[in-house]
Amino acid sequence: MKRILVDFGGYELRNLGDVAMLMVTVFRLRELFSQADIHVFTQEPERLQSLIPNVTPVSLDGRNQWGMTWNIFGALHKIL
């Protein structure tokens, strides 16, 4: 089964324009990959679930570690 991770930038889900774009993105991904699990980075997992119930919220903790200076991959994470 495919898993899709969406990083859209409006992590707190307060900007209605960002939320609308996220909803369209999830809708289109569902059309293309109907069996895929869609995961979304967010700071507000409950809010995400109330707005788009068919996605899985993902904490920003792991994502934020990629930007830390002590990252084991050094500058490679910036290229990726």
Protein backbone atom coordinates (compact mmCIF):
# COMPACT_ATOMS: atom_id res chain seq x y z
CA MET A 1 0.00 0.00 0.00
CA LYS A 2 1.24 3.48 -0.84
CA ARG A 3 1.75 6.10 1.81
CA ILE A 4 1.79 9.76 0.86
CA LEU A 5 3.20 12.46 3.15
CA VAL A 6 1.97 16.02 2.56
CA ASP A 7 3.99 18.98 3.85
CA PHE A 8 1.94 22.05 2.99
CA GLY A 9 3.30 24.70 5.35
CA GLY A 10 0.15 25.85 7.17
CA TYR A 11 0.79 23.61 10.15
CA GLU A 12 -1.61 25.36 12.53
CA LEU A 13 -4.51 25.20 10.01
CA ARG A 14 -5.70 28.75 10.71
CA ASN A 15 -5.39 30.21 7.18
CA LEU A 16 -8.54 29.29 5.26
CA GLY A 17 -6.76 29.62 1.91
CA ASP A 18 -4.09 27.14 2.99
CA VAL A 19 -6.73 24.77 4.34
CA ALA A 20 -8.70 24.97 1.07
CA MET A 21 -5.55 24.14 -0.93
CA LEU A 22 -4.84 21.23 1.39
CA MET A 23 -8.38 19.91 0.94
CA VAL A 24 -8.05 20.08 -2.84
CA THR A 25 -4.65 18.39 -2.67
CA VAL A 26 -6.02 15.54 -0.57
CA PHE A 27 -9.07 15.20 -2.85
CA ARG A 28 -6.86 14.98 -5.96
CA LEU A 29 -4.46 12.53 -4.33
CA ARG A 30 -7.45 10.37 -3.38
CA GLU A 31 -8.60 10.43 -7.02
CA LEU A 32 -5.15 9.35 -8.24
CA PHE A 33 -4.28 6.92 -5.45
CA SER A 34 -7.54 5.72 -3.95
CA GLN A 35 -5.89 3.01 -1.83
CA ALA A 36 -3.09 5.21 -0.45
CA ASP A 37 -2.74 6.33 3.15
CA ILE A 38 -2.39 10.11 3.20
CA HIS A 39 -0.45 11.66 6.08
CA VAL A 40 -0.19 15.41 6.74
CA PHE A 41 2.27 17.36 8.90
CA THR A 42 0.41 19.51 11.43
CA GLN A 43 0.63 21.19 14.83
CA GLU A 44 -3.13 20.70 15.33
CA PRO A 45 -4.00 17.01 14.85
CA GLU A 46 -7.55 17.33 16.20
CA ARG A 47 -8.30 20.29 13.95
CA LEU A 48 -6.91 18.43 10.93
CA GLN A 49 -9.12 15.42 11.69
CA SER A 50 -12.20 17.65 12.00
CA LEU A 51 -11.47 19.40 8.68
CA ILE A 52 -10.25 16.40 6.67
CA PRO A 53 -11.22 13.18 8.44
CA ASN A 54 -9.65 10.76 5.97
CA VAL A 55 -6.00 11.76 6.59
CA THR A 56 -3.51 10.86 9.30
CA PRO A 57 -1.92 13.74 11.26
CA VAL A 58 1.87 13.63 11.63
CA SER A 59 3.84 15.50 14.30
CA LEU A 60 6.41 18.06 13.22
CA ASP A 61 9.00 16.72 15.68
CA GLY A 62 10.71 14.39 13.23
CA ARG A 63 10.56 16.90 10.38
CA ASN A 64 12.12 19.63 12.50
CA GLN A 65 15.10 17.42 13.35
CA TRP A 66 16.19 17.50 9.70
CA GLY A 67 16.90 21.23 10.04
CA MET A 68 19.01 20.99 13.19
CA THR A 69 22.76 21.60 12.92
CA TRP A 70 23.62 18.33 14.66
CA ASN A 71 21.80 16.28 12.00
CA ILE A 72 23.74 13.06 11.30
CA PHE A 73 23.57 13.71 7.53
CA GLY A 74 25.12 17.16 7.77
CA ALA A 75 24.22 19.41 4.84
CA LEU A 76 22.88 16.47 2.81
CA HIS A 77 19.39 17.05 4.25
CA LYS A 78 19.30 20.51 2.61
CA ILE A 79 20.00 19.01 -0.80
CA LEU A 80 17.32 16.37 -0.38
